Protein backbone atom coordinates (compact mmCIF):
# COMPACT_ATOMS: atom_id res chain seq x y z
CA MET A 1 1.79 42.35 -1.02
CA ALA A 2 4.29 44.62 -3.02
CA HIS A 3 5.38 48.28 -2.16
CA ILE A 4 7.21 50.37 -4.87
CA ARG A 5 8.86 53.76 -4.02
CA LYS A 6 11.05 56.16 -6.00
CA THR A 7 14.60 56.64 -4.35
CA LYS A 8 16.52 60.08 -4.37
CA SER A 9 18.69 58.79 -7.49
CA GLY A 10 15.25 58.62 -9.39
CA SER A 11 14.98 54.76 -9.79
CA PHE A 12 12.36 52.69 -8.48
CA GLU A 13 12.78 50.28 -5.72
CA VAL A 14 10.30 47.49 -5.37
CA PHE A 15 9.68 45.53 -1.79
CA ILE A 16 7.90 42.51 -1.64
CA ASP A 17 6.75 40.22 1.24
CA LEU A 18 6.01 36.90 0.06
CA GLY A 19 4.91 35.48 3.32
CA LYS A 20 6.38 32.65 5.27
CA ASP A 21 8.44 29.93 3.57
CA PRO A 22 6.72 26.80 4.48
CA GLY A 23 9.88 24.71 4.23
CA THR A 24 11.86 27.12 6.53
CA GLY A 25 9.11 28.89 8.43
CA LYS A 26 11.23 31.99 7.97
CA ARG A 27 9.56 35.26 6.28
CA ASN A 28 10.28 35.64 2.57
CA GLN A 29 11.08 39.00 1.62
CA ILE A 30 12.92 40.36 -1.51
CA THR A 31 13.69 44.12 -2.91
CA LYS A 32 14.83 44.78 -6.58
CA THR A 33 15.68 48.17 -8.09
CA PHE A 34 14.74 49.41 -11.75
CA ASP A 35 15.13 52.40 -13.84
CA THR A 36 11.44 52.70 -14.76
CA LYS A 37 8.24 52.47 -12.64
CA LYS A 38 6.63 50.45 -15.17
CA GLU A 39 9.41 47.84 -15.11
CA ALA A 40 9.10 47.65 -11.35
CA LYS A 41 5.22 46.88 -11.71
CA LEU A 42 5.99 44.49 -14.33
CA TRP A 43 8.29 42.54 -12.12
CA SER A 44 6.43 42.94 -8.81
CA ALA A 45 3.12 41.54 -10.73
CA LYS A 46 5.25 38.56 -12.04
CA LYS A 47 6.65 37.57 -8.63
CA LEU A 48 3.07 37.98 -6.88
CA GLN A 49 1.90 35.87 -9.85
CA GLU A 50 4.53 33.15 -8.98
CA LYS A 51 3.43 33.27 -5.33
CA GLU A 52 -0.11 32.28 -6.11
CA GLU A 53 1.37 29.48 -8.09
CA GLY A 54 3.78 28.42 -5.52
CA LEU A 55 6.98 29.05 -7.30
CA ALA A 56 8.32 31.86 -5.07
CA VAL A 57 9.12 29.70 -2.04
CA SER A 58 12.76 29.57 -1.24
CA PHE A 59 14.33 26.39 -0.30
CA ASN A 60 17.77 27.43 0.54
CA ASN A 61 19.31 25.42 3.35
CA LEU A 62 16.26 23.04 3.73
CA THR A 63 16.54 20.13 6.22
CA LEU A 64 15.88 16.40 5.24
CA GLU A 65 13.18 16.99 7.82
CA GLU A 66 11.80 19.88 6.26
CA TYR A 67 11.73 18.31 2.79
CA LEU A 68 10.29 15.29 3.53
CA ASN A 69 7.30 16.54 5.48
CA LYS A 70 6.62 18.86 2.35
CA TRP A 71 6.94 15.76 0.20
CA LEU A 72 4.55 13.86 2.55
CA GLU A 73 2.11 16.77 1.90
CA ASP A 74 2.68 17.63 -1.49
CA TYR A 75 3.32 14.35 -3.23
CA ALA A 76 2.56 11.65 -1.05
CA LEU A 77 -0.96 12.39 0.22
CA PRO A 78 -2.42 13.26 -3.04
CA ASN A 79 -0.71 10.42 -4.93
CA LEU A 80 -0.59 7.50 -3.01
CA SER A 81 -3.15 5.24 -1.70
CA PRO A 82 -4.45 5.95 2.12
CA THR A 83 -2.88 2.71 3.53
CA THR A 84 0.52 3.06 1.53
CA PHE A 85 0.56 6.79 2.64
CA ASP A 86 0.28 5.54 6.30
CA GLY A 87 3.13 3.24 5.95
CA TYR A 88 5.51 6.04 4.17
CA ASN A 89 4.37 8.46 6.91
CA MET A 90 5.27 6.19 9.65
CA ILE A 91 8.82 5.21 8.31
CA ILE A 92 9.87 8.84 7.84
CA LYS A 93 8.30 10.12 11.15
CA LYS A 94 9.12 7.24 13.25
CA HIS A 95 12.72 6.19 11.82
CA ILE A 96 14.10 8.40 9.02
CA ILE A 97 13.58 11.83 10.62
CA PRO A 98 14.86 10.85 13.88
CA ALA A 99 18.15 9.53 12.50
CA LEU A 100 18.68 11.76 9.28
CA GLY A 101 16.25 14.86 9.69
CA ALA A 102 18.67 17.39 10.91
CA LEU A 103 20.92 17.17 7.72
CA LYS A 104 20.76 19.74 5.01
CA LEU A 105 19.07 18.12 2.09
CA ASP A 106 21.82 19.14 -0.34
CA GLU A 107 24.53 17.78 2.00
CA ILE A 108 23.15 14.12 2.44
CA LYS A 109 25.75 11.88 1.15
CA PRO A 110 25.51 8.10 0.39
CA LEU A 111 27.57 7.12 3.25
CA HIS A 112 24.57 8.87 5.62
CA ILE A 113 22.27 6.44 4.11
CA GLN A 114 24.46 3.44 4.28
CA SER A 115 25.20 3.98 7.70
CA TYR A 116 21.64 4.57 8.80
CA GLN A 117 20.73 1.21 7.33
CA ASN A 118 23.64 -0.65 8.95
CA HIS A 119 22.57 0.96 12.26
CA LYS A 120 19.06 -0.51 11.79
CA LEU A 121 20.23 -3.80 10.76
CA LYS A 122 22.95 -4.14 13.48
CA ALA A 123 20.51 -3.19 16.38
CA GLY A 124 18.36 -6.11 15.04
CA ARG A 125 21.08 -8.26 15.40
CA LEU A 126 22.15 -7.24 18.93
CA ASP A 127 18.73 -6.67 20.26
CA ASN A 128 15.34 -6.58 18.99
CA LYS A 129 14.20 -4.80 21.98
CA LYS A 130 16.48 -1.76 20.79
CA GLY A 131 14.53 -1.01 17.63
CA GLY A 132 16.41 -3.61 15.44
CA LEU A 133 14.82 -4.20 11.98
CA SER A 134 14.51 -6.90 9.53
CA LYS A 135 16.30 -6.77 6.12
CA LYS A 136 12.68 -6.76 4.55
CA THR A 137 11.85 -3.73 6.71
CA VAL A 138 14.84 -1.82 6.11
CA LEU A 139 14.24 -2.39 2.19
CA GLN A 140 11.07 -0.59 2.59
CA HIS A 141 12.97 2.56 4.20
CA HIS A 142 15.33 2.41 1.49
CA ARG A 143 12.58 2.38 -1.33
CA VAL A 144 10.90 5.19 0.74
CA LEU A 145 13.82 7.21 0.89
CA ASN A 146 14.74 6.73 -2.72
CA LYS A 147 11.16 7.73 -3.93
CA ALA A 148 11.47 11.05 -1.63
CA LEU A 149 14.76 11.98 -2.72
CA ASN A 150 14.04 11.06 -6.78
CA GLN A 151 11.13 13.61 -6.39
CA ALA A 152 13.59 16.37 -4.96
CA VAL A 153 15.73 15.82 -8.08
CA MET A 154 12.78 16.34 -10.15
CA TRP A 155 11.87 19.64 -8.11
CA GLN A 156 15.38 20.64 -8.93
CA LEU A 157 16.32 20.89 -5.27
CA ILE A 158 19.34 18.57 -5.59
CA SER A 159 21.29 17.45 -8.53
CA ASN A 160 21.39 14.12 -7.77
CA ASN A 161 19.74 11.10 -5.54
CA PRO A 162 22.51 9.77 -3.04
CA ALA A 163 20.16 6.87 -2.04
CA LYS A 164 20.89 5.43 -5.83
CA ALA A 165 24.26 4.89 -4.67
CA VAL A 166 23.50 2.78 -1.76
CA PRO A 167 22.44 -0.90 -2.13
CA ALA A 168 19.28 -2.11 -0.69
CA PRO A 169 19.21 -4.97 1.75
CA SER A 170 18.29 -8.20 0.42
CA PRO A 171 15.62 -10.01 2.65
CA ASN A 172 15.75 -13.63 3.31
CA PRO A 173 13.03 -15.28 1.38
CA THR A 174 9.84 -15.44 3.49
CA GLU A 175 8.69 -19.26 4.45
CA ILE A 176 5.14 -19.82 3.20
CA GLN A 177 2.51 -21.36 5.47
CA THR A 178 -0.14 -23.41 4.18
CA LEU A 179 -3.02 -25.23 5.77
CA SER A 180 -3.63 -29.11 4.67
CA LYS A 181 -6.98 -30.15 3.38
CA THR A 182 -7.63 -31.34 7.00
CA GLU A 183 -6.95 -27.91 8.62
CA VAL A 184 -9.17 -25.99 6.14
CA GLN A 185 -12.02 -28.34 7.04
CA LYS A 186 -11.34 -28.00 10.68
CA LEU A 187 -11.61 -24.20 10.56
CA LEU A 188 -14.91 -24.51 8.65
CA ASP A 189 -16.32 -26.80 10.92
CA ILE A 190 -15.65 -24.31 13.91
CA SER A 191 -17.05 -21.28 12.17
CA TYR A 192 -19.92 -23.17 10.47
CA GLU A 193 -23.05 -20.71 9.69
CA SER A 194 -21.11 -17.79 10.79
CA TRP A 195 -20.01 -15.09 8.21
CA GLU A 196 -16.39 -16.23 9.12
CA TYR A 197 -17.36 -19.58 7.65
CA TYR A 198 -18.21 -18.04 4.22
CA PHE A 199 -15.31 -15.69 4.32
CA ILE A 200 -12.83 -18.66 5.08
CA TYR A 201 -14.42 -20.76 2.60
CA LEU A 202 -14.30 -18.17 -0.24
CA ALA A 203 -10.67 -17.22 0.66
CA VAL A 204 -9.43 -20.72 0.04
CA ASN A 205 -11.48 -21.30 -3.02
CA THR A 206 -10.47 -18.25 -4.86
CA GLY A 207 -6.89 -16.95 -3.48
CA MET A 208 -8.53 -13.31 -2.96
CA ARG A 209 -7.02 -10.88 -0.46
CA ARG A 210 -8.37 -9.72 2.80
CA GLY A 211 -9.60 -6.32 1.37
CA GLU A 212 -10.69 -7.88 -2.04
CA LEU A 213 -13.37 -9.94 0.03
CA LEU A 214 -14.39 -7.36 2.17
CA GLY A 215 -14.99 -4.95 -0.88
CA LEU A 216 -16.71 -7.73 -2.60
CA ARG A 217 -20.24 -6.71 -3.87
CA TRP A 218 -23.13 -8.66 -5.17
CA GLU A 219 -22.79 -6.79 -8.56
CA ASP A 220 -19.28 -8.30 -8.92
CA ILE A 221 -20.65 -11.49 -8.92
CA ASN A 222 -21.89 -13.33 -12.14
CA PHE A 223 -24.16 -16.48 -11.17
CA ASN A 224 -24.92 -17.83 -14.62
CA GLU A 225 -21.29 -17.61 -15.69
CA LYS A 226 -19.90 -18.61 -12.43
CA LEU A 227 -17.44 -15.54 -12.32
CA ILE A 228 -16.23 -13.13 -9.55
CA GLN A 229 -14.84 -9.78 -10.97
CA VAL A 230 -12.46 -8.28 -8.61
CA ARG A 231 -12.96 -4.49 -8.78
CA LYS A 232 -12.66 -3.16 -5.33
CA ASN A 233 -10.39 -3.22 -2.21
CA LEU A 234 -11.59 -2.33 1.26
CA VAL A 235 -9.09 -0.70 3.51
CA LYS A 236 -8.71 1.41 6.49
CA SER A 237 -5.99 4.13 6.92
CA GLN A 238 -5.77 6.58 9.96
CA ASN A 239 -6.23 9.61 7.71
CA ALA A 240 -9.04 8.45 5.60
CA GLY A 241 -10.82 5.83 7.68
CA VAL A 242 -12.37 3.16 5.82
CA VAL A 243 -11.92 3.45 1.54
CA MET A 244 -13.46 1.37 -0.78
CA LYS A 245 -10.67 2.01 -3.49
CA GLU A 246 -9.33 0.35 -6.76
CA PRO A 247 -7.15 -2.82 -6.46
CA LYS A 248 -3.50 -2.33 -5.99
CA ASN A 249 -2.32 -2.71 -9.44
CA LYS A 250 -3.72 -3.69 -12.95
CA SER A 251 -3.42 -7.21 -12.82
CA SER A 252 -5.34 -7.27 -9.47
CA LYS A 253 -8.52 -6.34 -11.41
CA ARG A 254 -9.15 -9.58 -12.59
CA VAL A 255 -11.94 -12.35 -13.02
CA ILE A 256 -12.04 -15.70 -11.00
CA GLN A 257 -13.78 -18.44 -12.17
CA LEU A 258 -15.90 -20.50 -9.56
CA ALA A 259 -17.44 -23.92 -9.27
CA ALA A 260 -20.89 -25.06 -9.27
CA ASP A 261 -20.60 -25.90 -5.62
CA ASP A 262 -18.86 -22.41 -5.04
CA ILE A 263 -22.20 -20.74 -6.60
CA ASP A 264 -24.38 -22.69 -4.29
CA PHE A 265 -22.58 -21.44 -1.41
CA LEU A 266 -22.82 -18.01 -2.16
CA LYS A 267 -26.65 -18.24 -3.23
CA ASP A 268 -26.97 -19.69 0.36
CA LEU A 269 -25.02 -16.78 1.89
CA LYS A 270 -27.33 -14.50 0.07
CA LYS A 271 -30.14 -16.15 1.23
CA LYS A 272 -29.18 -15.48 4.74
CA GLN A 273 -28.35 -12.18 3.98
CA SER A 274 -31.94 -11.27 2.32
CA GLU A 275 -33.33 -12.79 5.81
CA TYR A 276 -31.39 -10.21 7.72
CA LYS A 277 -32.61 -7.28 5.48
CA LEU A 278 -36.24 -8.26 6.09
CA LEU A 279 -35.33 -8.20 9.96
CA TYR A 280 -33.76 -4.74 9.91
CA GLY A 281 -36.21 -3.32 7.22
CA PRO A 282 -35.28 0.28 6.60
CA ASP A 283 -32.47 0.48 9.21
CA TYR A 284 -30.37 -2.05 6.99
CA ASN A 285 -27.68 -0.35 5.07
CA ASN A 286 -27.30 -1.16 1.39
CA LYS A 287 -25.18 1.33 0.51
CA TYR A 288 -22.30 -1.00 -0.77
CA ASN A 289 -24.39 -3.86 -1.23
CA LEU A 290 -21.45 -6.25 0.27
CA VAL A 291 -21.07 -9.81 0.39
CA PHE A 292 -19.48 -9.65 3.50
CA CYS A 293 -20.79 -7.16 6.10
CA LYS A 294 -22.42 -6.82 9.47
CA ALA A 295 -25.75 -8.38 10.04
CA ASN A 296 -27.37 -4.64 9.62
CA GLY A 297 -25.37 -4.03 6.20
CA ASP A 298 -22.59 -2.22 7.89
CA ILE A 299 -18.66 -2.53 6.60
CA LEU A 300 -16.79 -4.94 8.29
CA TYR A 301 -13.33 -3.34 9.23
CA PRO A 302 -10.30 -5.32 7.89
CA ASN A 303 -8.86 -5.59 11.77
CA THR A 304 -12.03 -7.22 12.54
CA ALA A 305 -11.74 -9.96 9.99
CA THR A 306 -8.45 -10.56 11.28
CA LYS A 307 -9.19 -10.87 14.66
CA ARG A 308 -12.25 -13.01 14.24
CA PHE A 309 -10.12 -15.43 12.22
CA ASN A 310 -7.51 -15.38 15.07
CA LEU A 311 -10.24 -16.48 17.47
CA ILE A 312 -11.21 -19.64 15.14
CA THR A 313 -7.50 -20.58 14.58
CA LYS A 314 -7.20 -20.57 18.40
CA LYS A 315 -9.86 -22.77 18.94
CA ALA A 316 -8.84 -25.10 16.21
CA ASP A 317 -5.21 -25.14 17.73
CA LEU A 318 -3.84 -23.55 14.84
CA GLU A 319 -2.80 -20.08 15.86
CA ASP A 320 0.65 -20.08 13.81
CA PHE A 321 -1.69 -19.31 10.44
CA ARG A 322 -2.46 -16.03 9.63
CA LEU A 323 -5.66 -14.91 7.60
CA HIS A 324 -3.38 -14.42 4.38
CA ASP A 325 -2.26 -17.94 4.86
CA LEU A 326 -5.40 -18.79 3.33
CA ARG A 327 -4.37 -17.08 -0.10
CA HIS A 328 -1.12 -19.13 0.06
CA THR A 329 -3.24 -22.40 0.74
CA HIS A 330 -5.49 -21.74 -2.31
CA ALA A 331 -2.26 -21.28 -4.53
CA THR A 332 -0.43 -24.12 -3.33
CA LEU A 333 -3.51 -26.52 -3.42
CA MET A 334 -4.10 -25.40 -7.14
CA LEU A 335 -0.33 -26.17 -8.10
CA GLU A 336 -0.37 -29.39 -6.23
CA ALA A 337 -3.75 -30.53 -8.00
CA GLY A 338 -1.60 -29.86 -11.33
CA VAL A 339 -3.01 -26.52 -12.54
CA HIS A 340 -0.78 -24.39 -14.80
CA PRO A 341 1.21 -22.03 -12.74
CA LYS A 342 -0.16 -19.15 -15.37
CA VAL A 343 -3.58 -19.81 -14.03
CA VAL A 344 -2.55 -19.57 -10.83
CA GLN A 345 -1.00 -16.13 -11.59
CA GLU A 346 -4.17 -14.92 -13.06
CA ARG A 347 -6.60 -16.12 -10.12
CA LEU A 348 -3.99 -14.67 -7.57
CA GLY A 349 -3.76 -11.41 -9.49
CA HIS A 350 0.12 -11.37 -9.56
CA SER A 351 1.73 -9.08 -12.18
CA THR A 352 4.16 -11.77 -13.37
CA ILE A 353 4.56 -15.49 -13.34
CA THR A 354 7.82 -15.01 -11.93
CA THR A 355 6.47 -13.71 -8.67
CA THR A 356 4.04 -16.87 -8.62
CA LEU A 357 6.83 -19.48 -8.99
CA ASP A 358 9.34 -17.45 -6.60
CA THR A 359 6.48 -17.42 -4.03
CA TYR A 360 5.52 -20.80 -4.29
CA SER A 361 8.66 -22.41 -5.11
CA HIS A 362 8.11 -25.17 -2.34
CA VAL A 363 5.84 -26.57 -4.70
CA ILE A 364 7.83 -27.05 -7.87
CA PRO A 365 9.82 -30.29 -6.72
CA SER A 366 6.37 -32.29 -6.35
CA MET A 367 5.38 -30.65 -9.82
CA GLN A 368 8.76 -31.92 -11.48
CA LYS A 369 7.95 -35.52 -10.07
CA GLU A 370 4.79 -35.43 -11.81
CA SER A 371 5.84 -33.90 -14.92
CA VAL A 372 8.59 -36.84 -15.05
CA LYS A 373 6.06 -39.23 -14.86
CA LYS A 374 3.85 -37.73 -17.54
CA TYR A 375 6.80 -37.36 -19.75
CA LYS A 376 7.71 -40.98 -19.34
CA ASN A 377 4.17 -41.94 -19.89
CA TYR A 378 4.26 -40.02 -23.15
CA LEU A 379 7.31 -41.99 -24.37
CA SER A 380 5.87 -45.29 -23.67
């Protein structure tokens, strides 16, 4: 709201109330004096227009807590996937704000961030119960804070990003766990004819991620060409609930070749699902036409798939294995069978072959042995 009044000296004073500053919570009020009423009206109209466009907000003395909350709302929420937003939100609210939130945004120095990272890592070495974090976790904190402060630079709230001057922790390589062919068969025997049986089979034979399997629809399978097109990823987030979204990156949208017995296996699953459709009739939920779903066609939650898999591994005395290890198992068995790493990269949806080779470096020595044999046979 703008108010113009004529002063005793003949000038015109403009008083504008722009409402509460979303960053500080204080009222944002401005005044200015002009020689003519026309100038006063033009200026007040411009300021009110800026308010409508969100440009009149004052960010003086903004704390890191105030900025990060605004960044989550204005940038992260509309631009990130639901699961990524949940992760960022947890890191910021649970860790970064309690430790650094009271600092002014424009007063944060690299030393503040370095001390934060050191404290988290040191606590981890001393006592995990006191909130100690691994290098991999602190690396995620560094990435989130760096991303948020980069945006602050782009929004011209600060001149440079102090996180760029702080080295990110280098995590120790994660040891990959894979199941043997015998162990895979044990899981299949225990889960036989349940939906978990089909889920485990397809995970081991395609290397698809949990969300990709749960988001797989019948129209994504070409039975004649023996192909699966990975187009959707089913995820669950705190804010958005269950979401069918695009795969995490361009390389994740891929085509996976199947074998003839894989196709027979899927046809068997489709037949069983058709029987359920007849049983439930109009109550069957065919909204998504999912390959893996509840008996009535409803979506299977990601946590449900993990919990059911854990029950099967417990029965098989293989509790050390995670659901994601089925993906690692597929890649390892393919490489051990002599399949070129480039093909494995494409099946897994890795962005580069370097990721594949780095992740499955434990298979490389055996591949070298076979390569030497092939080389010597060729020379002979």
